Amino acid sequence: MPHVVCQPCFACKYTDCVVVCPVECFYEGQQILYIHPEECIDCEACAPECPVEAIFPEDNVPAEWEAFIELNAEMAPQCEVLAEKKEPLVDS
């Protein structure tokens, strides 16, 4: 079951999660990060690293953010892979 980046990441884009991902399945959108569902190996390394608690296993995405499941699947293939730490959009 892949993990999903949800609403709390929007306009934030901390990349603490990216640097612990062993398979480089994070992709950078303009305002949010995405996880490619076909590349995620469900290692769970990323979720505890997210300072805004935006990452959930697909089966545990809160109901109000279920649209992010499809959004991650749709947008990740359209974005550039992100494998290194970058400055967030918000003040750290």
PDB file of N, CA and C in Angstrom:
ATOM      1  N   MET A   1       0.855  -1.176   0.000  1.00  0.00           N
ATOM      2  CA  MET A   1       0.000   0.000   0.000  1.00  0.00           C
ATOM      3  C   MET A   1       0.898   1.235   0.000  1.00  0.00           C
ATOM      4  N   PRO A   2       0.808   2.049  -1.024  1.00  0.00           N
ATOM      5  CA  PRO A   2       1.652   3.245  -1.088  1.00  0.00           C
ATOM      6  C   PRO A   2       1.237   4.298  -0.071  1.00  0.00           C
ATOM      7  N   HIS A   3       2.134   5.208   0.170  1.00  0.00           N
ATOM      8  CA  HIS A   3       1.835   6.345   1.021  1.00  0.00           C
ATOM      9  C   HIS A   3       1.390   7.507   0.136  1.00  0.00           C
ATOM     10  N   VAL A   4       0.715   8.477   0.747  1.00  0.00           N
ATOM     11  CA  VAL A   4       0.114   9.588   0.022  1.00  0.00           C
ATOM     12  C   VAL A   4       0.453  10.895   0.743  1.00  0.00           C
ATOM     13  N   VAL A   5       0.858  11.899  -0.011  1.00  0.00           N
ATOM     14  CA  VAL A   5       1.065  13.235   0.538  1.00  0.00           C
ATOM     15  C   VAL A   5      -0.275  13.966   0.473  1.00  0.00           C
ATOM     16  N   CYS A   6      -0.679  14.557   1.594  1.00  0.00           N
ATOM     17  CA  CYS A   6      -1.995  15.197   1.678  1.00  0.00           C
ATOM     18  C   CYS A   6      -1.904  16.704   1.957  1.00  0.00           C
ATOM     19  N   GLN A   7      -3.036  17.310   2.174  1.00  0.00           N
ATOM     20  CA  GLN A   7      -3.229  18.756   2.314  1.00  0.00           C
ATOM     21  C   GLN A   7      -2.203  19.493   3.180  1.00  0.00           C
ATOM     22  N   PRO A   8      -1.780  18.968   4.326  1.00  0.00           N
ATOM     23  CA  PRO A   8      -0.838  19.754   5.145  1.00  0.00           C
ATOM     24  C   PRO A   8       0.465  20.122   4.446  1.00  0.00           C
ATOM     25  N   CYS A   9       0.821  19.413   3.386  1.00  0.00           N
ATOM     26  CA  CYS A   9       2.044  19.719   2.641  1.00  0.00           C
ATOM     27  C   CYS A   9       1.859  20.917   1.715  1.00  0.00           C
ATOM     28  N   PHE A  10       0.628  21.254   1.383  1.00  0.00           N
ATOM     29  CA  PHE A  10       0.363  22.319   0.426  1.00  0.00           C
ATOM     30  C   PHE A  10       0.942  23.646   0.913  1.00  0.00           C
ATOM     31  N   ALA A  11       1.697  24.298   0.047  1.00  0.00           N
ATOM     32  CA  ALA A  11       2.351  25.580   0.327  1.00  0.00           C
ATOM     33  C   ALA A  11       3.392  25.455   1.436  1.00  0.00           C
ATOM     34  N   CYS A  12       3.901  24.288   1.631  1.00  0.00           N
ATOM     35  CA  CYS A  12       4.853  23.997   2.693  1.00  0.00           C
ATOM     36  C   CYS A  12       6.115  23.381   2.092  1.00  0.00           C
ATOM     37  N   LYS A  13       5.960  22.181   1.580  1.00  0.00           N
ATOM     38  CA  LYS A  13       6.991  21.417   0.881  1.00  0.00           C
ATOM     39  C   LYS A  13       8.277  21.210   1.678  1.00  0.00           C
ATOM     40  N   TYR A  14       8.154  20.780   2.919  1.00  0.00           N
ATOM     41  CA  TYR A  14       9.344  20.335   3.634  1.00  0.00           C
ATOM     42  C   TYR A  14       9.851  19.088   2.921  1.00  0.00           C
ATOM     43  N   THR A  15      11.138  18.892   2.895  1.00  0.00           N
ATOM     44  CA  THR A  15      11.690  17.741   2.178  1.00  0.00           C
ATOM     45  C   THR A  15      12.423  16.767   3.099  1.00  0.00           C
ATOM     46  N   ASP A  16      12.152  16.838   4.383  1.00  0.00           N
ATOM     47  CA  ASP A  16      12.748  15.909   5.334  1.00  0.00           C
ATOM     48  C   ASP A  16      12.401  14.468   4.946  1.00  0.00           C
ATOM     49  N   CYS A  17      11.203  14.272   4.435  1.00  0.00           N
ATOM     50  CA  CYS A  17      10.724  12.955   4.032  1.00  0.00           C
ATOM     51  C   CYS A  17      11.479  12.423   2.823  1.00  0.00           C
ATOM     52  N   VAL A  18      11.855  13.306   1.946  1.00  0.00           N
ATOM     53  CA  VAL A  18      12.499  12.939   0.684  1.00  0.00           C
ATOM     54  C   VAL A  18      13.854  12.275   0.923  1.00  0.00           C
ATOM     55  N   VAL A  19      14.621  12.822   1.837  1.00  0.00           N
ATOM     56  CA  VAL A  19      15.986  12.329   2.041  1.00  0.00           C
ATOM     57  C   VAL A  19      16.045  10.955   2.696  1.00  0.00           C
ATOM     58  N   VAL A  20      14.965  10.498   3.307  1.00  0.00           N
ATOM     59  CA  VAL A  20      14.960   9.161   3.920  1.00  0.00           C
ATOM     60  C   VAL A  20      14.351   8.103   3.007  1.00  0.00           C
ATOM     61  N   CYS A  21      13.816   8.509   1.875  1.00  0.00           N
ATOM     62  CA  CYS A  21      13.169   7.568   0.954  1.00  0.00           C
ATOM     63  C   CYS A  21      14.229   6.745   0.218  1.00  0.00           C
ATOM     64  N   PRO A  22      14.196   5.417   0.374  1.00  0.00           N
ATOM     65  CA  PRO A  22      15.215   4.587  -0.267  1.00  0.00           C
ATOM     66  C   PRO A  22      15.000   4.357  -1.769  1.00  0.00           C
ATOM     67  N   VAL A  23      13.823   4.728  -2.290  1.00  0.00           N
ATOM     68  CA  VAL A  23      13.533   4.451  -3.699  1.00  0.00           C
ATOM     69  C   VAL A  23      13.256   5.704  -4.538  1.00  0.00           C
ATOM     70  N   GLU A  24      13.439   6.863  -3.960  1.00  0.00           N
ATOM     71  CA  GLU A  24      13.242   8.126  -4.680  1.00  0.00           C
ATOM     72  C   GLU A  24      11.893   8.199  -5.378  1.00  0.00           C
ATOM     73  N   CYS A  25      10.819   8.025  -4.598  1.00  0.00           N
ATOM     74  CA  CYS A  25       9.473   8.056  -5.180  1.00  0.00           C
ATOM     75  C   CYS A  25       8.748   9.376  -4.943  1.00  0.00           C
ATOM     76  N   PHE A  26       9.480  10.404  -4.464  1.00  0.00           N
ATOM     77  CA  PHE A  26       8.882  11.724  -4.265  1.00  0.00           C
ATOM     78  C   PHE A  26       9.088  12.581  -5.507  1.00  0.00           C
ATOM     79  N   TYR A  27       8.062  13.349  -5.829  1.00  0.00           N
ATOM     80  CA  TYR A  27       8.092  14.230  -6.989  1.00  0.00           C
ATOM     81  C   TYR A  27       7.659  15.616  -6.539  1.00  0.00           C
ATOM     82  N   GLU A  28       8.258  16.633  -7.144  1.00  0.00           N
ATOM     83  CA  GLU A  28       8.019  18.003  -6.721  1.00  0.00           C
ATOM     84  C   GLU A  28       7.065  18.734  -7.649  1.00  0.00           C
ATOM     85  N   GLY A  29       5.909  19.102  -7.091  1.00  0.00           N
ATOM     86  CA  GLY A  29       4.975  19.960  -7.794  1.00  0.00           C
ATOM     87  C   GLY A  29       5.245  21.405  -7.413  1.00  0.00           C
ATOM     88  N   GLN A  30       4.476  22.309  -7.937  1.00  0.00           N
ATOM     89  CA  GLN A  30       4.690  23.731  -7.658  1.00  0.00           C
ATOM     90  C   GLN A  30       4.439  24.080  -6.192  1.00  0.00           C
ATOM     91  N   GLN A  31       3.386  23.499  -5.602  1.00  0.00           N
ATOM     92  CA  GLN A  31       2.998  23.860  -4.245  1.00  0.00           C
ATOM     93  C   GLN A  31       3.018  22.698  -3.260  1.00  0.00           C
ATOM     94  N   ILE A  32       3.302  21.501  -3.730  1.00  0.00           N
ATOM     95  CA  ILE A  32       3.188  20.315  -2.888  1.00  0.00           C
ATOM     96  C   ILE A  32       4.089  19.208  -3.449  1.00  0.00           C
ATOM     97  N   LEU A  33       4.456  18.279  -2.593  1.00  0.00           N
ATOM     98  CA  LEU A  33       5.183  17.092  -3.032  1.00  0.00           C
ATOM     99  C   LEU A  33       4.175  15.988  -3.330  1.00  0.00           C
ATOM    100  N   TYR A  34       4.570  15.036  -4.147  1.00  0.00           N
ATOM    101  CA  TYR A  34       3.728  13.885  -4.466  1.00  0.00           C
ATOM    102  C   TYR A  34       4.548  12.614  -4.292  1.00  0.00           C
ATOM    103  N   ILE A  35       3.868  11.525  -3.975  1.00  0.00           N
ATOM    104  CA  ILE A  35       4.496  10.209  -3.929  1.00  0.00           C
ATOM    105  C   ILE A  35       3.932   9.399  -5.085  1.00  0.00           C
ATOM    106  N   HIS A  36       4.823   8.831  -5.885  1.00  0.00           N
ATOM    107  CA  HIS A  36       4.397   7.999  -7.012  1.00  0.00           C
ATOM    108  C   HIS A  36       3.939   6.652  -6.435  1.00  0.00           C
ATOM    109  N   PRO A  37       2.659   6.311  -6.582  1.00  0.00           N
ATOM    110  CA  PRO A  37       2.139   5.092  -5.947  1.00  0.00           C
ATOM    111  C   PRO A  37       2.731   3.792  -6.485  1.00  0.00           C
ATOM    112  N   GLU A  38       3.212   3.798  -7.715  1.00  0.00           N
ATOM    113  CA  GLU A  38       3.797   2.587  -8.277  1.00  0.00           C
ATOM    114  C   GLU A  38       5.262   2.415  -7.886  1.00  0.00           C
ATOM    115  N   GLU A  39       5.865   3.447  -7.350  1.00  0.00           N
ATOM    116  CA  GLU A  39       7.267   3.390  -6.942  1.00  0.00           C
ATOM    117  C   GLU A  39       7.439   3.238  -5.433  1.00  0.00           C
ATOM    118  N   CYS A  40       6.443   3.667  -4.671  1.00  0.00           N
ATOM    119  CA  CYS A  40       6.505   3.591  -3.206  1.00  0.00           C
ATOM    120  C   CYS A  40       6.535   2.122  -2.770  1.00  0.00           C
ATOM    121  N   ILE A  41       7.486   1.785  -1.886  1.00  0.00           N
ATOM    122  CA  ILE A  41       7.599   0.402  -1.412  1.00  0.00           C
ATOM    123  C   ILE A  41       7.009   0.225  -0.014  1.00  0.00           C
ATOM    124  N   ASP A  42       6.318   1.234   0.480  1.00  0.00           N
ATOM    125  CA  ASP A  42       5.635   1.157   1.770  1.00  0.00           C
ATOM    126  C   ASP A  42       6.597   0.861   2.921  1.00  0.00           C
ATOM    127  N   CYS A  43       7.762   1.478   2.888  1.00  0.00           N
ATOM    128  CA  CYS A  43       8.744   1.249   3.944  1.00  0.00           C
ATOM    129  C   CYS A  43       8.437   2.051   5.199  1.00  0.00           C
ATOM    130  N   GLU A  44       7.583   3.061   5.068  1.00  0.00           N
ATOM    131  CA  GLU A  44       7.135   3.919   6.170  1.00  0.00           C
ATOM    132  C   GLU A  44       8.225   4.818   6.724  1.00  0.00           C
ATOM    133  N   ALA A  45       9.330   4.991   6.028  1.00  0.00           N
ATOM    134  CA  ALA A  45      10.405   5.852   6.510  1.00  0.00           C
ATOM    135  C   ALA A  45      10.021   7.334   6.455  1.00  0.00           C
ATOM    136  N   CYS A  46       9.192   7.707   5.487  1.00  0.00           N
ATOM    137  CA  CYS A  46       8.893   9.118   5.254  1.00  0.00           C
ATOM    138  C   CYS A  46       7.917   9.736   6.259  1.00  0.00           C
ATOM    139  N   ALA A  47       6.884   9.019   6.627  1.00  0.00           N
ATOM    140  CA  ALA A  47       5.814   9.598   7.450  1.00  0.00           C
ATOM    141  C   ALA A  47       6.307  10.213   8.759  1.00  0.00           C
ATOM    142  N   PRO A  48       7.144   9.518   9.533  1.00  0.00           N
ATOM    143  CA  PRO A  48       7.581  10.139  10.791  1.00  0.00           C
ATOM    144  C   PRO A  48       8.508  11.338  10.602  1.00  0.00           C
ATOM    145  N   GLU A  49       9.077  11.499   9.411  1.00  0.00           N
ATOM    146  CA  GLU A  49       9.973  12.623   9.147  1.00  0.00           C
ATOM    147  C   GLU A  49       9.240  13.896   8.744  1.00  0.00           C
ATOM    148  N   CYS A  50       7.972  13.781   8.382  1.00  0.00           N
ATOM    149  CA  CYS A  50       7.199  14.935   7.914  1.00  0.00           C
ATOM    150  C   CYS A  50       6.816  15.830   9.095  1.00  0.00           C
ATOM    151  N   PRO A  51       7.340  17.064   9.145  1.00  0.00           N
ATOM    152  CA  PRO A  51       7.056  17.940  10.281  1.00  0.00           C
ATOM    153  C   PRO A  51       5.618  18.447  10.338  1.00  0.00           C
ATOM    154  N   VAL A  52       4.870  18.313   9.249  1.00  0.00           N
ATOM    155  CA  VAL A  52       3.475  18.778   9.253  1.00  0.00           C
ATOM    156  C   VAL A  52       2.483  17.614   9.205  1.00  0.00           C
ATOM    157  N   GLU A  53       2.997  16.387   9.347  1.00  0.00           N
ATOM    158  CA  GLU A  53       2.163  15.180   9.365  1.00  0.00           C
ATOM    159  C   GLU A  53       1.229  15.110   8.160  1.00  0.00           C
ATOM    160  N   ALA A  54       1.824  15.208   6.967  1.00  0.00           N
ATOM    161  CA  ALA A  54       1.052  15.222   5.724  1.00  0.00           C
ATOM    162  C   ALA A  54       1.053  13.887   4.994  1.00  0.00           C
ATOM    163  N   ILE A  55       1.785  12.893   5.485  1.00  0.00           N
ATOM    164  CA  ILE A  55       1.944  11.630   4.766  1.00  0.00           C
ATOM    165  C   ILE A  55       1.221  10.503   5.487  1.00  0.00           C
ATOM    166  N   PHE A  56       0.392   9.785   4.725  1.00  0.00           N
ATOM    167  CA  PHE A  56      -0.416   8.702   5.283  1.00  0.00           C
ATOM    168  C   PHE A  56      -0.358   7.478   4.386  1.00  0.00           C
ATOM    169  N   PRO A  57      -0.450   6.275   4.977  1.00  0.00           N
ATOM    170  CA  PRO A  57      -0.664   5.091   4.141  1.00  0.00           C
ATOM    171  C   PRO A  57      -1.987   5.274   3.400  1.00  0.00           C
ATOM    172  N   GLU A  58      -2.066   4.810   2.175  1.00  0.00           N
ATOM    173  CA  GLU A  58      -3.267   5.013   1.358  1.00  0.00           C
ATOM    174  C   GLU A  58      -4.550   4.598   2.078  1.00  0.00           C
ATOM    175  N   ASP A  59      -4.510   3.506   2.798  1.00  0.00           N
ATOM    176  CA  ASP A  59      -5.709   3.037   3.502  1.00  0.00           C
ATOM    177  C   ASP A  59      -6.068   3.858   4.735  1.00  0.00           C
ATOM    178  N   ASN A  60      -5.181   4.757   5.152  1.00  0.00           N
ATOM    179  CA  ASN A  60      -5.432   5.568   6.349  1.00  0.00           C
ATOM    180  C   ASN A  60      -5.528   7.063   6.062  1.00  0.00           C
ATOM    181  N   VAL A  61      -5.685   7.424   4.811  1.00  0.00           N
ATOM    182  CA  VAL A  61      -5.840   8.840   4.467  1.00  0.00           C
ATOM    183  C   VAL A  61      -7.171   9.319   5.073  1.00  0.00           C
ATOM    184  N   PRO A  62      -7.139  10.424   5.825  1.00  0.00           N
ATOM    185  CA  PRO A  62      -8.392  10.953   6.378  1.00  0.00           C
ATOM    186  C   PRO A  62      -9.418  11.221   5.276  1.00  0.00           C
ATOM    187  N   ALA A  63     -10.668  10.998   5.594  1.00  0.00           N
ATOM    188  CA  ALA A  63     -11.755  11.114   4.613  1.00  0.00           C
ATOM    189  C   ALA A  63     -11.733  12.449   3.866  1.00  0.00           C
ATOM    190  N   GLU A  64     -11.450  13.523   4.563  1.00  0.00           N
ATOM    191  CA  GLU A  64     -11.485  14.842   3.920  1.00  0.00           C
ATOM    192  C   GLU A  64     -10.341  15.033   2.919  1.00  0.00           C
ATOM    193  N   TRP A  65      -9.349  14.147   2.944  1.00  0.00           N
ATOM    194  CA  TRP A  65      -8.215  14.263   2.034  1.00  0.00           C
ATOM    195  C   TRP A  65      -8.122  13.100   1.050  1.00  0.00           C
ATOM    196  N   GLU A  66      -9.163  12.311   0.910  1.00  0.00           N
ATOM    197  CA  GLU A  66      -9.122  11.155   0.010  1.00  0.00           C
ATOM    198  C   GLU A  66      -8.824  11.522  -1.440  1.00  0.00           C
ATOM    199  N   ALA A  67      -9.163  12.730  -1.853  1.00  0.00           N
ATOM    200  CA  ALA A  67      -8.877  13.167  -3.231  1.00  0.00           C
ATOM    201  C   ALA A  67      -7.375  13.212  -3.499  1.00  0.00           C
ATOM    202  N   PHE A  68      -6.572  13.297  -2.455  1.00  0.00           N
ATOM    203  CA  PHE A  68      -5.117  13.342  -2.628  1.00  0.00           C
ATOM    204  C   PHE A  68      -4.553  12.001  -3.080  1.00  0.00           C
ATOM    205  N   ILE A  69      -5.279  10.921  -2.881  1.00  0.00           N
ATOM    206  CA  ILE A  69      -4.838   9.608  -3.371  1.00  0.00           C
ATOM    207  C   ILE A  69      -4.725   9.663  -4.889  1.00  0.00           C
ATOM    208  N   GLU A  70      -5.790  10.101  -5.522  1.00  0.00           N
ATOM    209  CA  GLU A  70      -5.794  10.218  -6.989  1.00  0.00           C
ATOM    210  C   GLU A  70      -4.867  11.334  -7.460  1.00  0.00           C
ATOM    211  N   LEU A  71      -4.818  12.423  -6.711  1.00  0.00           N
ATOM    212  CA  LEU A  71      -3.959  13.545  -7.090  1.00  0.00           C
ATOM    213  C   LEU A  71      -2.484  13.130  -7.129  1.00  0.00           C
ATOM    214  N   ASN A  72      -2.022  12.387  -6.128  1.00  0.00           N
ATOM    215  CA  ASN A  72      -0.639  11.908  -6.121  1.00  0.00           C
ATOM    216  C   ASN A  72      -0.382  11.010  -7.324  1.00  0.00           C
ATOM    217  N   ALA A  73      -1.309  10.095  -7.596  1.00  0.00           N
ATOM    218  CA  ALA A  73      -1.153   9.159  -8.721  1.00  0.00           C
ATOM    219  C   ALA A  73      -1.139   9.894 -10.055  1.00  0.00           C
ATOM    220  N   GLU A  74      -1.936  10.935 -10.170  1.00  0.00           N
ATOM    221  CA  GLU A  74      -2.020  11.691 -11.421  1.00  0.00           C
ATOM    222  C   GLU A  74      -0.833  12.624 -11.616  1.00  0.00           C
ATOM    223  N   MET A  75      -0.425  13.305 -10.560  1.00  0.00           N
ATOM    224  CA  MET A  75       0.576  14.356 -10.703  1.00  0.00           C
ATOM    225  C   MET A  75       2.025  13.879 -10.616  1.00  0.00           C
ATOM    226  N   ALA A  76       2.306  12.860  -9.829  1.00  0.00           N
ATOM    227  CA  ALA A  76       3.702  12.409  -9.685  1.00  0.00           C
ATOM    228  C   ALA A  76       4.364  12.133 -11.033  1.00  0.00           C
ATOM    229  N   PRO A  77       3.706  11.403 -11.951  1.00  0.00           N
ATOM    230  CA  PRO A  77       4.359  11.132 -13.243  1.00  0.00           C
ATOM    231  C   PRO A  77       4.595  12.385 -14.098  1.00  0.00           C
ATOM    232  N   GLN A  78       3.936  13.471 -13.774  1.00  0.00           N
ATOM    233  CA  GLN A  78       4.079  14.710 -14.544  1.00  0.00           C
ATOM    234  C   GLN A  78       5.152  15.642 -13.989  1.00  0.00           C
ATOM    235  N   CYS A  79       5.704  15.291 -12.819  1.00  0.00           N
ATOM    236  CA  CYS A  79       6.653  16.166 -12.137  1.00  0.00           C
ATOM    237  C   CYS A  79       8.057  15.566 -12.136  1.00  0.00           C
ATOM    238  N   GLU A  80       9.013  16.363 -11.703  1.00  0.00           N
ATOM    239  CA  GLU A  80      10.401  15.929 -11.610  1.00  0.00           C
ATOM    240  C   GLU A  80      10.622  15.185 -10.299  1.00  0.00           C
ATOM    241  N   VAL A  81      11.393  14.100 -10.365  1.00  0.00           N
ATOM    242  CA  VAL A  81      11.741  13.363  -9.157  1.00  0.00           C
ATOM    243  C   VAL A  81      12.566  14.274  -8.252  1.00  0.00           C
ATOM    244  N   LEU A  82      12.371  14.122  -6.951  1.00  0.00           N
ATOM    245  CA  LEU A  82      13.091  14.927  -5.972  1.00  0.00           C
ATOM    246  C   LEU A  82      13.794  13.970  -5.021  1.00  0.00           C
ATOM    247  N   ALA A  83      15.108  14.067  -4.944  1.00  0.00           N
ATOM    248  CA  ALA A  83      15.878  13.125  -4.124  1.00  0.00           C
ATOM    249  C   ALA A  83      16.802  13.826  -3.140  1.00  0.00           C
ATOM    250  N   GLU A  84      16.698  15.126  -3.027  1.00  0.00           N
ATOM    251  CA  GLU A  84      17.573  15.849  -2.104  1.00  0.00           C
ATOM    252  C   GLU A  84      16.796  16.886  -1.328  1.00  0.00           C
ATOM    253  N   LYS A  85      17.347  17.280  -0.204  1.00  0.00           N
ATOM    254  CA  LYS A  85      16.695  18.270   0.650  1.00  0.00           C
ATOM    255  C   LYS A  85      16.746  19.638  -0.018  1.00  0.00           C
ATOM    256  N   LYS A  86      15.632  20.354   0.080  1.00  0.00           N
ATOM    257  CA  LYS A  86      15.522  21.707  -0.460  1.00  0.00           C
ATOM    258  C   LYS A  86      14.885  22.587   0.594  1.00  0.00           C
ATOM    259  N   GLU A  87      14.978  23.874   0.379  1.00  0.00           N
ATOM    260  CA  GLU A  87      14.332  24.816   1.300  1.00  0.00           C
ATOM    261  C   GLU A  87      12.815  24.695   1.163  1.00  0.00           C
ATOM    262  N   PRO A  88      12.094  24.667   2.282  1.00  0.00           N
ATOM    263  CA  PRO A  88      10.620  24.604   2.204  1.00  0.00           C
ATOM    264  C   PRO A  88      10.049  25.941   1.729  1.00  0.00           C
ATOM    265  N   LEU A  89       8.790  25.917   1.365  1.00  0.00           N
ATOM    266  CA  LEU A  89       8.121  27.146   0.937  1.00  0.00           C
ATOM    267  C   LEU A  89       7.804  28.044   2.120  1.00  0.00           C
ATOM    268  N   VAL A  90       7.681  27.461   3.318  1.00  0.00           N
ATOM    269  CA  VAL A  90       7.376  28.234   4.526  1.00  0.00           C
ATOM    270  C   VAL A  90       8.645  28.401   5.349  1.00  0.00           C
ATOM    271  N   ASP A  91       8.606  29.327   6.277  1.00  0.00           N
ATOM    272  CA  ASP A  91       9.757  29.504   7.167  1.00  0.00           C
ATOM    273  C   ASP A  91       9.917  28.299   8.072  1.00  0.00           C
ATOM    274  N   SER A  92      11.120  27.817   8.187  1.00  0.00           N
ATOM    275  CA  SER A  92      11.389  26.627   9.000  1.00  0.00           C
ATOM    276  C   SER A  92      11.236  26.916  10.470  1.00  0.00           C
TER     277      SER A  92
END
